[in-house]
Amino acid sequence: MSKKALLVLDVINELVHPEGSVGQDGFCEQAEKRHILRNIQKVVSHAREHAIPVYYVIVGFSEDYKEWSPNTKLFREVKSKKQVVLGSWETQVHETVAPREQELIITKHRIDPFYNTSLDLLLKVAGIEELVLTGVSSEFVVLATVLSAHDRDMKVTVLEDCISSSDEYSHQCATHIMTKLAELSDSNQFVAIGQ
């Protein structure tokens, strides 16, 4: 049986907390509607109980935005609006699913969590061959993770009730594409299968 890890992707206050500014673009509303914080909390607890490592990925920029590009469409307004600054409340993982002291947090400056980060190396060193994905947002970071992990020959499972987007249509489109490269499951199935 392949060694698996649980990834919690961009479940940061900026996106899923009612006071997060980027979350006002629909991300927070969809996260609440789909109950993803409750569902992610359940799978994180299960993973910890069964010694399945949990990795957290957060997006953010330095205060001077030196990693930001003016060519980006998705992050076009974050600099002018002073959003997703690393080390701020906005880029902290939501308290409902907050990491424990020994759990790793990987910081990224783009959509793909493998791009210019230590994630690939950390997973290889730990012998991880299978990823279970949760987080925000379905059509950006979750889909990008599916694509990148697939091309690294990893088995990927997406817990559909643990991901959300800025709108339902984008979520549906993304999950449709994911089914071509990954297994779609849910939090109940993840908890039911044990290790």
N, C-alpha and C. Protein backbone atom coordinates (compact mmCIF):
# COMPACT_ATOMS: atom_id res chain seq x y z
N MET A 1 0.85 -1.19 0.00
CA MET A 1 0.00 0.00 0.00
C MET A 1 0.89 1.25 0.00
N SER A 2 0.57 2.19 -0.88
CA SER A 2 1.39 3.39 -0.99
C SER A 2 1.21 4.29 0.23
N LYS A 3 2.29 4.99 0.56
CA LYS A 3 2.25 5.90 1.69
C LYS A 3 1.58 7.20 1.25
N LYS A 4 0.59 7.63 2.02
CA LYS A 4 -0.18 8.81 1.63
C LYS A 4 0.02 9.97 2.59
N ALA A 5 -0.31 11.16 2.08
CA ALA A 5 -0.29 12.38 2.88
C ALA A 5 -1.53 13.19 2.55
N LEU A 6 -1.96 13.97 3.52
CA LEU A 6 -3.10 14.86 3.35
C LEU A 6 -2.58 16.28 3.13
N LEU A 7 -3.05 16.94 2.09
CA LEU A 7 -2.68 18.32 1.83
C LEU A 7 -3.87 19.24 2.12
N VAL A 8 -3.60 20.31 2.87
CA VAL A 8 -4.60 21.35 3.14
C VAL A 8 -4.12 22.60 2.40
N LEU A 9 -4.83 22.93 1.33
CA LEU A 9 -4.35 23.93 0.38
C LEU A 9 -5.06 25.28 0.54
N ASP A 10 -4.32 26.30 0.90
CA ASP A 10 -4.81 27.69 0.94
C ASP A 10 -6.08 27.90 1.77
N VAL A 11 -6.20 27.16 2.86
CA VAL A 11 -7.36 27.36 3.75
C VAL A 11 -6.95 28.46 4.74
N ILE A 12 -6.77 29.65 4.19
CA ILE A 12 -6.28 30.79 4.96
C ILE A 12 -7.42 31.77 5.23
N ASN A 13 -7.24 32.57 6.27
CA ASN A 13 -8.27 33.53 6.66
C ASN A 13 -8.68 34.46 5.52
N GLU A 14 -7.72 34.87 4.70
CA GLU A 14 -8.01 35.77 3.59
C GLU A 14 -9.09 35.22 2.66
N LEU A 15 -9.16 33.89 2.56
CA LEU A 15 -10.10 33.26 1.64
C LEU A 15 -11.36 32.71 2.29
N VAL A 16 -11.23 32.14 3.50
CA VAL A 16 -12.37 31.40 4.05
C VAL A 16 -12.97 32.02 5.31
N HIS A 17 -12.38 33.09 5.81
CA HIS A 17 -12.95 33.78 6.98
C HIS A 17 -13.82 34.93 6.49
N PRO A 18 -14.96 35.18 7.15
CA PRO A 18 -15.84 36.27 6.73
C PRO A 18 -15.16 37.64 6.68
N GLU A 19 -14.08 37.82 7.43
CA GLU A 19 -13.37 39.10 7.43
C GLU A 19 -12.22 39.15 6.42
N GLY A 20 -12.00 38.07 5.70
CA GLY A 20 -10.96 38.05 4.67
C GLY A 20 -11.40 38.82 3.44
N SER A 21 -10.53 39.69 2.91
CA SER A 21 -10.96 40.54 1.79
C SER A 21 -11.07 39.78 0.48
N VAL A 22 -10.15 38.87 0.19
CA VAL A 22 -10.25 38.08 -1.05
C VAL A 22 -11.47 37.16 -0.99
N GLY A 23 -11.79 36.70 0.20
CA GLY A 23 -12.96 35.84 0.38
C GLY A 23 -14.27 36.48 -0.02
N GLN A 24 -14.28 37.82 -0.08
CA GLN A 24 -15.50 38.52 -0.48
C GLN A 24 -15.85 38.29 -1.95
N ASP A 25 -14.90 37.75 -2.72
CA ASP A 25 -15.15 37.47 -4.13
C ASP A 25 -15.90 36.16 -4.34
N GLY A 26 -16.49 35.63 -3.28
CA GLY A 26 -17.28 34.41 -3.38
C GLY A 26 -16.65 33.21 -2.69
N PHE A 27 -15.36 33.28 -2.40
CA PHE A 27 -14.66 32.14 -1.81
C PHE A 27 -15.21 31.79 -0.43
N CYS A 28 -15.40 32.79 0.41
CA CYS A 28 -15.90 32.54 1.77
C CYS A 28 -17.32 32.00 1.72
N GLU A 29 -18.15 32.59 0.90
CA GLU A 29 -19.55 32.15 0.79
C GLU A 29 -19.64 30.69 0.35
N GLN A 30 -18.85 30.33 -0.65
CA GLN A 30 -18.86 28.95 -1.13
C GLN A 30 -18.29 27.98 -0.10
N ALA A 31 -17.24 28.41 0.60
CA ALA A 31 -16.66 27.56 1.64
C ALA A 31 -17.68 27.27 2.73
N GLU A 32 -18.43 28.31 3.11
CA GLU A 32 -19.47 28.13 4.13
C GLU A 32 -20.61 27.27 3.62
N LYS A 33 -21.03 27.52 2.41
CA LYS A 33 -22.14 26.77 1.80
C LYS A 33 -21.82 25.28 1.71
N ARG A 34 -20.56 24.98 1.38
CA ARG A 34 -20.15 23.59 1.20
C ARG A 34 -19.62 22.97 2.49
N HIS A 35 -19.57 23.74 3.60
CA HIS A 35 -19.12 23.24 4.91
C HIS A 35 -17.71 22.65 4.85
N ILE A 36 -16.84 23.26 4.07
CA ILE A 36 -15.53 22.63 3.90
C ILE A 36 -14.67 22.69 5.17
N LEU A 37 -14.82 23.73 5.99
CA LEU A 37 -14.01 23.79 7.21
C LEU A 37 -14.35 22.63 8.14
N ARG A 38 -15.63 22.36 8.31
CA ARG A 38 -16.05 21.24 9.16
C ARG A 38 -15.54 19.92 8.59
N ASN A 39 -15.66 19.77 7.26
CA ASN A 39 -15.25 18.52 6.62
C ASN A 39 -13.73 18.33 6.67
N ILE A 40 -12.98 19.42 6.43
CA ILE A 40 -11.52 19.34 6.50
C ILE A 40 -11.08 19.03 7.93
N GLN A 41 -11.73 19.64 8.89
CA GLN A 41 -11.41 19.38 10.30
C GLN A 41 -11.56 17.88 10.60
N LYS A 42 -12.60 17.29 10.07
CA LYS A 42 -12.85 15.86 10.29
C LYS A 42 -11.73 15.00 9.67
N VAL A 43 -11.32 15.32 8.45
CA VAL A 43 -10.29 14.50 7.81
C VAL A 43 -8.91 14.75 8.39
N VAL A 44 -8.63 15.97 8.84
CA VAL A 44 -7.35 16.25 9.50
C VAL A 44 -7.26 15.46 10.80
N SER A 45 -8.33 15.45 11.57
CA SER A 45 -8.35 14.68 12.82
C SER A 45 -8.13 13.19 12.55
N HIS A 46 -8.80 12.69 11.52
CA HIS A 46 -8.65 11.28 11.15
C HIS A 46 -7.21 10.98 10.73
N ALA A 47 -6.64 11.87 9.91
CA ALA A 47 -5.27 11.66 9.45
C ALA A 47 -4.31 11.62 10.64
N ARG A 48 -4.47 12.54 11.57
CA ARG A 48 -3.60 12.56 12.75
C ARG A 48 -3.73 11.28 13.57
N GLU A 49 -4.96 10.81 13.73
CA GLU A 49 -5.19 9.59 14.51
C GLU A 49 -4.55 8.37 13.87
N HIS A 50 -4.42 8.39 12.53
CA HIS A 50 -3.89 7.24 11.81
C HIS A 50 -2.47 7.49 11.27
N ALA A 51 -1.79 8.48 11.83
CA ALA A 51 -0.39 8.77 11.48
C ALA A 51 -0.20 9.06 9.98
N ILE A 52 -1.22 9.66 9.37
CA ILE A 52 -1.10 10.12 7.99
C ILE A 52 -0.59 11.56 8.07
N PRO A 53 0.57 11.86 7.50
CA PRO A 53 1.11 13.21 7.62
C PRO A 53 0.21 14.26 6.96
N VAL A 54 0.13 15.42 7.60
CA VAL A 54 -0.67 16.53 7.08
C VAL A 54 0.29 17.65 6.71
N TYR A 55 0.20 18.09 5.47
CA TYR A 55 1.00 19.21 4.98
C TYR A 55 0.07 20.37 4.67
N TYR A 56 0.47 21.56 5.10
CA TYR A 56 -0.31 22.76 4.83
C TYR A 56 0.41 23.61 3.78
N VAL A 57 -0.35 24.13 2.85
CA VAL A 57 0.20 25.02 1.83
C VAL A 57 -0.53 26.36 1.94
N ILE A 58 0.25 27.44 1.99
CA ILE A 58 -0.36 28.77 2.02
C ILE A 58 0.24 29.65 0.93
N VAL A 59 -0.58 30.52 0.39
CA VAL A 59 -0.12 31.48 -0.61
C VAL A 59 0.08 32.84 0.05
N GLY A 60 1.09 33.56 -0.40
CA GLY A 60 1.32 34.89 0.15
C GLY A 60 2.52 35.57 -0.45
N PHE A 61 2.68 36.84 -0.10
CA PHE A 61 3.77 37.65 -0.61
C PHE A 61 4.41 38.42 0.54
N SER A 62 5.66 38.79 0.36
CA SER A 62 6.34 39.64 1.33
C SER A 62 5.67 41.01 1.36
N GLU A 63 5.94 41.77 2.41
CA GLU A 63 5.32 43.10 2.54
C GLU A 63 5.64 44.02 1.37
N ASP A 64 6.81 43.84 0.78
CA ASP A 64 7.18 44.68 -0.37
C ASP A 64 6.77 44.06 -1.71
N TYR A 65 6.10 42.91 -1.65
CA TYR A 65 5.59 42.22 -2.84
C TYR A 65 6.69 41.93 -3.86
N LYS A 66 7.89 41.63 -3.40
CA LYS A 66 8.99 41.35 -4.33
C LYS A 66 8.73 40.10 -5.17
N GLU A 67 7.87 39.18 -4.70
CA GLU A 67 7.58 37.95 -5.47
C GLU A 67 6.41 38.14 -6.44
N TRP A 68 5.75 39.28 -6.35
CA TRP A 68 4.56 39.56 -7.16
C TRP A 68 4.96 39.99 -8.57
N SER A 69 4.17 39.60 -9.56
CA SER A 69 4.43 40.00 -10.94
C SER A 69 3.27 40.85 -11.46
N PRO A 70 3.57 41.95 -12.15
CA PRO A 70 2.50 42.76 -12.74
C PRO A 70 1.79 42.05 -13.89
N ASN A 71 2.37 40.94 -14.35
CA ASN A 71 1.75 40.18 -15.45
C ASN A 71 0.66 39.22 -15.00
N THR A 72 0.55 39.03 -13.70
CA THR A 72 -0.42 38.08 -13.20
C THR A 72 -1.85 38.61 -13.33
N LYS A 73 -2.74 37.78 -13.80
CA LYS A 73 -4.15 38.17 -13.87
C LYS A 73 -4.85 37.84 -12.57
N LEU A 74 -4.61 36.65 -12.04
CA LEU A 74 -5.30 36.22 -10.82
C LEU A 74 -4.92 37.09 -9.62
N PHE A 75 -3.65 37.42 -9.49
CA PHE A 75 -3.18 38.20 -8.34
C PHE A 75 -3.02 39.69 -8.68
N ARG A 76 -3.67 40.13 -9.74
CA ARG A 76 -3.49 41.49 -10.26
C ARG A 76 -3.67 42.58 -9.20
N GLU A 77 -4.67 42.43 -8.33
CA GLU A 77 -5.01 43.51 -7.39
C GLU A 77 -4.47 43.32 -5.98
N VAL A 78 -3.78 42.22 -5.73
CA VAL A 78 -3.35 41.97 -4.34
C VAL A 78 -2.34 43.00 -3.83
N LYS A 79 -1.49 43.49 -4.72
CA LYS A 79 -0.50 44.49 -4.28
C LYS A 79 -1.17 45.81 -3.95
N SER A 80 -2.02 46.30 -4.83
CA SER A 80 -2.67 47.60 -4.58
C SER A 80 -3.62 47.54 -3.39
N LYS A 81 -4.19 46.37 -3.14
CA LYS A 81 -5.11 46.21 -2.01
C LYS A 81 -4.41 45.70 -0.74
N LYS A 82 -3.09 45.47 -0.85
CA LYS A 82 -2.30 44.99 0.31
C LYS A 82 -2.87 43.68 0.88
N GLN A 83 -3.13 42.72 -0.02
CA GLN A 83 -3.71 41.44 0.38
C GLN A 83 -2.64 40.35 0.47
N VAL A 84 -2.98 39.26 1.12
CA VAL A 84 -2.17 38.05 1.29
C VAL A 84 -0.70 38.34 1.62
N VAL A 85 -0.49 39.13 2.65
CA VAL A 85 0.86 39.42 3.13
C VAL A 85 1.28 38.32 4.11
N LEU A 86 2.40 37.69 3.83
CA LEU A 86 2.89 36.62 4.68
C LEU A 86 3.17 37.12 6.09
N GLY A 87 2.84 36.30 7.07
CA GLY A 87 3.05 36.66 8.46
C GLY A 87 1.89 37.43 9.07
N SER A 88 0.91 37.76 8.27
CA SER A 88 -0.26 38.49 8.75
C SER A 88 -1.38 37.52 9.12
N TRP A 89 -2.41 38.03 9.78
CA TRP A 89 -3.59 37.22 10.11
C TRP A 89 -4.21 36.64 8.85
N GLU A 90 -4.18 37.40 7.79
CA GLU A 90 -4.82 37.00 6.53
C GLU A 90 -4.24 35.70 5.96
N THR A 91 -2.95 35.49 6.12
CA THR A 91 -2.33 34.29 5.53
C THR A 91 -2.16 33.15 6.54
N GLN A 92 -2.72 33.31 7.72
CA GLN A 92 -2.72 32.20 8.68
C GLN A 92 -3.79 31.18 8.28
N VAL A 93 -3.50 29.92 8.53
CA VAL A 93 -4.49 28.87 8.30
C VAL A 93 -5.65 29.11 9.26
N HIS A 94 -6.86 28.94 8.77
CA HIS A 94 -8.06 29.17 9.60
C HIS A 94 -7.97 28.32 10.86
N GLU A 95 -8.35 28.90 11.98
CA GLU A 95 -8.18 28.24 13.29
C GLU A 95 -8.89 26.90 13.39
N THR A 96 -9.94 26.70 12.62
CA THR A 96 -10.68 25.43 12.65
C THR A 96 -9.79 24.25 12.26
N VAL A 97 -8.85 24.49 11.36
CA VAL A 97 -8.01 23.40 10.85
C VAL A 97 -6.53 23.72 11.02
N ALA A 98 -6.20 24.57 11.98
CA ALA A 98 -4.83 25.06 12.16
C ALA A 98 -3.83 23.92 12.35
N PRO A 99 -2.63 24.09 11.80
CA PRO A 99 -1.61 23.04 11.94
C PRO A 99 -1.08 22.94 13.37
N ARG A 100 -0.65 21.74 13.70
CA ARG A 100 0.05 21.54 14.97
C ARG A 100 1.51 21.92 14.78
N GLU A 101 2.21 22.03 15.89
CA GLU A 101 3.58 22.55 15.87
C GLU A 101 4.50 21.76 14.93
N GLN A 102 4.36 20.43 14.89
CA GLN A 102 5.27 19.62 14.10
C GLN A 102 4.85 19.48 12.64
N GLU A 103 3.68 19.97 12.29
CA GLU A 103 3.20 19.83 10.91
C GLU A 103 3.77 20.93 10.02
N LEU A 104 4.14 20.55 8.81
CA LEU A 104 4.84 21.45 7.91
C LEU A 104 3.90 22.41 7.18
N ILE A 105 4.37 23.65 7.04
CA ILE A 105 3.66 24.66 6.25
C ILE A 105 4.57 25.06 5.10
N ILE A 106 4.08 24.88 3.89
CA ILE A 106 4.84 25.25 2.69
C ILE A 106 4.25 26.55 2.15
N THR A 107 5.11 27.53 1.95
CA THR A 107 4.67 28.83 1.44
C THR A 107 4.91 28.88 -0.06
N LYS A 108 3.90 29.38 -0.79
CA LYS A 108 4.04 29.53 -2.23
C LYS A 108 3.66 30.96 -2.63
N HIS A 109 4.14 31.35 -3.82
CA HIS A 109 3.86 32.69 -4.34
C HIS A 109 3.08 32.63 -5.66
N ARG A 110 2.72 31.43 -6.07
CA ARG A 110 1.96 31.24 -7.31
C ARG A 110 0.83 30.26 -7.01
N ILE A 111 0.10 29.86 -8.04
CA ILE A 111 -1.03 28.95 -7.85
C ILE A 111 -0.55 27.55 -7.48
N ASP A 112 0.36 27.01 -8.26
CA ASP A 112 0.83 25.63 -8.12
C ASP A 112 1.71 25.48 -6.88
N PRO A 113 1.34 24.61 -5.94
CA PRO A 113 2.13 24.45 -4.71
C PRO A 113 3.49 23.78 -4.93
N PHE A 114 3.70 23.19 -6.11
CA PHE A 114 4.98 22.57 -6.41
C PHE A 114 5.97 23.57 -7.02
N TYR A 115 5.46 24.69 -7.53
CA TYR A 115 6.30 25.62 -8.26
C TYR A 115 7.18 26.45 -7.31
N ASN A 116 8.51 26.24 -7.44
CA ASN A 116 9.50 26.97 -6.64
C ASN A 116 9.27 26.86 -5.13
N THR A 117 8.82 25.68 -4.69
CA THR A 117 8.67 25.41 -3.26
C THR A 117 9.41 24.11 -2.92
N SER A 118 9.45 23.77 -1.65
CA SER A 118 10.12 22.53 -1.22
C SER A 118 9.15 21.35 -1.15
N LEU A 119 7.92 21.53 -1.61
CA LEU A 119 6.91 20.47 -1.45
C LEU A 119 7.34 19.15 -2.08
N ASP A 120 7.79 19.19 -3.31
CA ASP A 120 8.17 17.95 -4.01
C ASP A 120 9.27 17.22 -3.25
N LEU A 121 10.29 17.95 -2.83
CA LEU A 121 11.40 17.35 -2.08
C LEU A 121 10.93 16.75 -0.76
N LEU A 122 10.10 17.49 -0.03
CA LEU A 122 9.61 17.00 1.26
C LEU A 122 8.80 15.71 1.10
N LEU A 123 7.98 15.65 0.07
CA LEU A 123 7.17 14.45 -0.16
C LEU A 123 8.05 13.27 -0.55
N LYS A 124 9.05 13.52 -1.39
CA LYS A 124 9.96 12.44 -1.81
C LYS A 124 10.74 11.90 -0.62
N VAL A 125 11.28 12.79 0.19
CA VAL A 125 12.07 12.37 1.36
C VAL A 125 11.22 11.54 2.32
N ALA A 126 9.93 11.91 2.43
CA ALA A 126 9.02 11.17 3.32
C ALA A 126 8.47 9.90 2.67
N GLY A 127 8.80 9.66 1.41
CA GLY A 127 8.32 8.46 0.72
C GLY A 127 6.85 8.50 0.35
N ILE A 128 6.30 9.68 0.21
CA ILE A 128 4.87 9.83 -0.11
C ILE A 128 4.63 9.51 -1.58
N GLU A 129 3.67 8.64 -1.84
CA GLU A 129 3.31 8.26 -3.21
C GLU A 129 1.87 8.60 -3.55
N GLU A 130 1.10 8.98 -2.53
CA GLU A 130 -0.32 9.28 -2.74
C GLU A 130 -0.69 10.54 -1.97
N LEU A 131 -1.38 11.45 -2.65
CA LEU A 131 -1.84 12.69 -2.03
C LEU A 131 -3.36 12.70 -1.95
N VAL A 132 -3.85 13.17 -0.80
CA VAL A 132 -5.28 13.39 -0.60
C VAL A 132 -5.44 14.91 -0.46
N LEU A 133 -6.25 15.50 -1.34
CA LEU A 133 -6.32 16.95 -1.43
C LEU A 133 -7.59 17.54 -0.83
N THR A 134 -7.39 18.66 -0.13
CA THR A 134 -8.48 19.47 0.40
C THR A 134 -8.09 20.92 0.18
N GLY A 135 -9.06 21.83 0.16
CA GLY A 135 -8.71 23.24 0.15
C GLY A 135 -9.43 24.13 -0.83
N VAL A 136 -8.86 25.31 -1.01
CA VAL A 136 -9.42 26.38 -1.82
C VAL A 136 -8.32 26.85 -2.78
N SER A 137 -8.61 27.05 -4.03
CA SER A 137 -9.92 26.89 -4.64
C SER A 137 -9.87 25.77 -5.66
N SER A 138 -11.04 25.23 -5.92
CA SER A 138 -11.16 24.06 -6.79
C SER A 138 -10.48 24.26 -8.14
N GLU A 139 -10.76 25.40 -8.78
CA GLU A 139 -10.30 25.61 -10.16
C GLU A 139 -8.88 26.15 -10.27
N PHE A 140 -8.30 26.56 -9.16
CA PHE A 140 -6.94 27.07 -9.20
C PHE A 140 -5.98 26.13 -8.48
N VAL A 141 -5.79 26.30 -7.19
CA VAL A 141 -4.75 25.53 -6.49
C VAL A 141 -5.04 24.03 -6.47
N VAL A 142 -6.29 23.63 -6.27
CA VAL A 142 -6.56 22.19 -6.19
C VAL A 142 -6.33 21.54 -7.55
N LEU A 143 -6.86 22.15 -8.61
CA LEU A 143 -6.64 21.60 -9.95
C LEU A 143 -5.16 21.62 -10.32
N ALA A 144 -4.46 22.70 -10.01
CA ALA A 144 -3.03 22.78 -10.31
C ALA A 144 -2.26 21.68 -9.57
N THR A 145 -2.66 21.39 -8.35
CA THR A 145 -2.01 20.33 -7.57
C THR A 145 -2.26 18.97 -8.19
N VAL A 146 -3.48 18.75 -8.64
CA VAL A 146 -3.80 17.49 -9.33
C VAL A 146 -2.90 17.32 -10.55
N LEU A 147 -2.80 18.35 -11.36
CA LEU A 147 -1.99 18.29 -12.58
C LEU A 147 -0.52 18.04 -12.26
N SER A 148 0.03 18.79 -11.32
CA SER A 148 1.44 18.65 -10.99
C SER A 148 1.76 17.32 -10.33
N ALA A 149 0.89 16.88 -9.43
CA ALA A 149 1.12 15.59 -8.76
C ALA A 149 0.99 14.45 -9.75
N HIS A 150 0.04 14.55 -10.65
CA HIS A 150 -0.14 13.53 -11.69
C HIS A 150 1.15 13.38 -12.51
N ASP A 151 1.73 14.51 -12.90
CA ASP A 151 2.94 14.47 -13.72
C ASP A 151 4.17 14.06 -12.92
N ARG A 152 4.04 13.98 -11.62
CA ARG A 152 5.11 13.44 -10.78
C ARG A 152 4.84 11.98 -10.41
N ASP A 153 3.89 11.37 -11.14
CA ASP A 153 3.56 9.95 -10.99
C ASP A 153 3.00 9.60 -9.62
N MET A 154 2.29 10.54 -9.02
CA MET A 154 1.68 10.28 -7.73
C MET A 154 0.21 9.92 -7.92
N LYS A 155 -0.28 9.09 -7.04
CA LYS A 155 -1.72 8.82 -7.00
C LYS A 155 -2.37 9.98 -6.28
N VAL A 156 -3.49 10.47 -6.82
CA VAL A 156 -4.14 11.65 -6.24
C VAL A 156 -5.61 11.36 -6.00
N THR A 157 -6.07 11.70 -4.80
CA THR A 157 -7.49 11.63 -4.45
C THR A 157 -7.93 13.01 -3.99
N VAL A 158 -9.03 13.49 -4.54
CA VAL A 158 -9.58 14.78 -4.15
C VAL A 158 -10.85 14.53 -3.34
N LEU A 159 -10.91 15.09 -2.15
CA LEU A 159 -12.11 14.97 -1.31
C LEU A 159 -13.05 16.11 -1.70
N GLU A 160 -14.05 15.78 -2.51
CA GLU A 160 -14.89 16.78 -3.16
C GLU A 160 -15.65 17.66 -2.17
N ASP A 161 -16.02 17.13 -1.03
CA ASP A 161 -16.74 17.95 -0.05
C ASP A 161 -15.78 18.73 0.86
N CYS A 162 -14.48 18.69 0.53
CA CYS A 162 -13.47 19.45 1.28
C CYS A 162 -12.79 20.49 0.40
N ILE A 163 -13.38 20.76 -0.76
CA ILE A 163 -12.84 21.80 -1.64
C ILE A 163 -13.97 22.72 -2.06
N SER A 164 -13.61 23.95 -2.39
CA SER A 164 -14.61 24.89 -2.88
C SER A 164 -13.94 25.94 -3.75
N SER A 165 -14.78 26.69 -4.44
CA SER A 165 -14.32 27.69 -5.39
C SER A 165 -14.95 29.03 -5.06
N SER A 166 -14.88 29.97 -5.99
CA SER A 166 -15.55 31.26 -5.80
C SER A 166 -17.00 31.20 -6.27
N ASP A 167 -17.32 30.16 -7.05
CA ASP A 167 -18.70 29.97 -7.52
C ASP A 167 -18.90 28.50 -7.87
N GLU A 168 -20.13 28.08 -7.85
CA GLU A 168 -20.46 26.66 -8.06
C GLU A 168 -20.08 26.16 -9.44
N TYR A 169 -20.26 26.99 -10.46
CA TYR A 169 -19.96 26.56 -11.83
C TYR A 169 -18.46 26.26 -11.99
N SER A 170 -17.62 27.14 -11.47
CA SER A 170 -16.17 26.90 -11.53
C SER A 170 -15.79 25.62 -10.80
N HIS A 171 -16.44 25.39 -9.66
CA HIS A 171 -16.20 24.16 -8.90
C HIS A 171 -16.56 22.93 -9.73
N GLN A 172 -17.72 22.96 -10.35
CA GLN A 172 -18.17 21.82 -11.16
C GLN A 172 -17.25 21.57 -12.34
N CYS A 173 -16.85 22.63 -13.02
CA CYS A 173 -15.93 22.49 -14.16
C CYS A 173 -14.60 21.89 -13.71
N ALA A 174 -14.08 22.39 -12.60
CA ALA A 174 -12.80 21.90 -12.10
C ALA A 174 -12.87 20.43 -11.70
N THR A 175 -13.90 20.06 -10.98
CA THR A 175 -14.00 18.66 -10.55
C THR A 175 -14.20 17.73 -11.74
N HIS A 176 -14.88 18.21 -12.77
CA HIS A 176 -15.04 17.40 -13.99
C HIS A 176 -13.67 17.09 -14.60
N ILE A 177 -12.82 18.09 -14.67
CA ILE A 177 -11.47 17.89 -15.22
C ILE A 177 -10.65 16.98 -14.30
N MET A 178 -10.78 17.17 -13.00
CA MET A 178 -10.03 16.36 -12.04
C MET A 178 -10.31 14.87 -12.18
N THR A 179 -11.54 14.51 -12.52
CA THR A 179 -11.89 13.09 -12.63
C THR A 179 -11.09 12.37 -13.70
N LYS A 180 -10.52 13.13 -14.62
CA LYS A 180 -9.71 12.52 -15.69
C LYS A 180 -8.30 12.17 -15.21
N LEU A 181 -7.90 12.73 -14.07
CA LEU A 181 -6.53 12.55 -13.58
C LEU A 181 -6.44 12.03 -12.15
N ALA A 182 -7.53 12.15 -11.40
CA ALA A 182 -7.51 11.80 -9.98
C ALA A 182 -8.80 11.08 -9.60
N GLU A 183 -8.75 10.46 -8.42
CA GLU A 183 -9.96 9.86 -7.87
C GLU A 183 -10.74 10.94 -7.12
N LEU A 184 -12.04 10.95 -7.27
CA LEU A 184 -12.88 11.85 -6.49
C LEU A 184 -13.53 11.06 -5.37
N SER A 185 -13.39 11.54 -4.16
CA SER A 185 -13.97 10.88 -2.99
C SER A 185 -14.57 11.96 -2.11
N ASP A 186 -14.83 11.61 -0.84
CA ASP A 186 -15.34 12.62 0.10
C ASP A 186 -14.84 12.31 1.50
N SER A 187 -15.14 13.22 2.42
CA SER A 187 -14.63 13.09 3.78
C SER A 187 -15.12 11.82 4.47
N ASN A 188 -16.37 11.46 4.23
CA ASN A 188 -16.91 10.25 4.87
C ASN A 188 -16.19 9.00 4.42
N GLN A 189 -15.90 8.91 3.13
CA GLN A 189 -15.17 7.76 2.61
C GLN A 189 -13.74 7.72 3.15
N PHE A 190 -13.12 8.88 3.25
CA PHE A 190 -11.75 8.96 3.76
C PHE A 190 -11.70 8.45 5.21
N VAL A 191 -12.65 8.87 6.00
CA VAL A 191 -12.69 8.45 7.40
C VAL A 191 -13.04 6.98 7.52
N ALA A 192 -13.88 6.48 6.62
CA ALA A 192 -14.35 5.10 6.70
C ALA A 192 -13.27 4.08 6.33
N ILE A 193 -12.33 4.48 5.47
CA ILE A 193 -11.36 3.49 4.99
C ILE A 193 -10.19 3.31 5.95
N GLY A 194 -10.16 4.09 7.02
CA GLY A 194 -9.07 3.92 7.99
C GLY A 194 -7.77 4.45 7.42
N GLN A 195 -6.71 3.65 7.49
CA GLN A 195 -5.42 4.08 6.99
C GLN A 195 -5.32 3.86 5.50
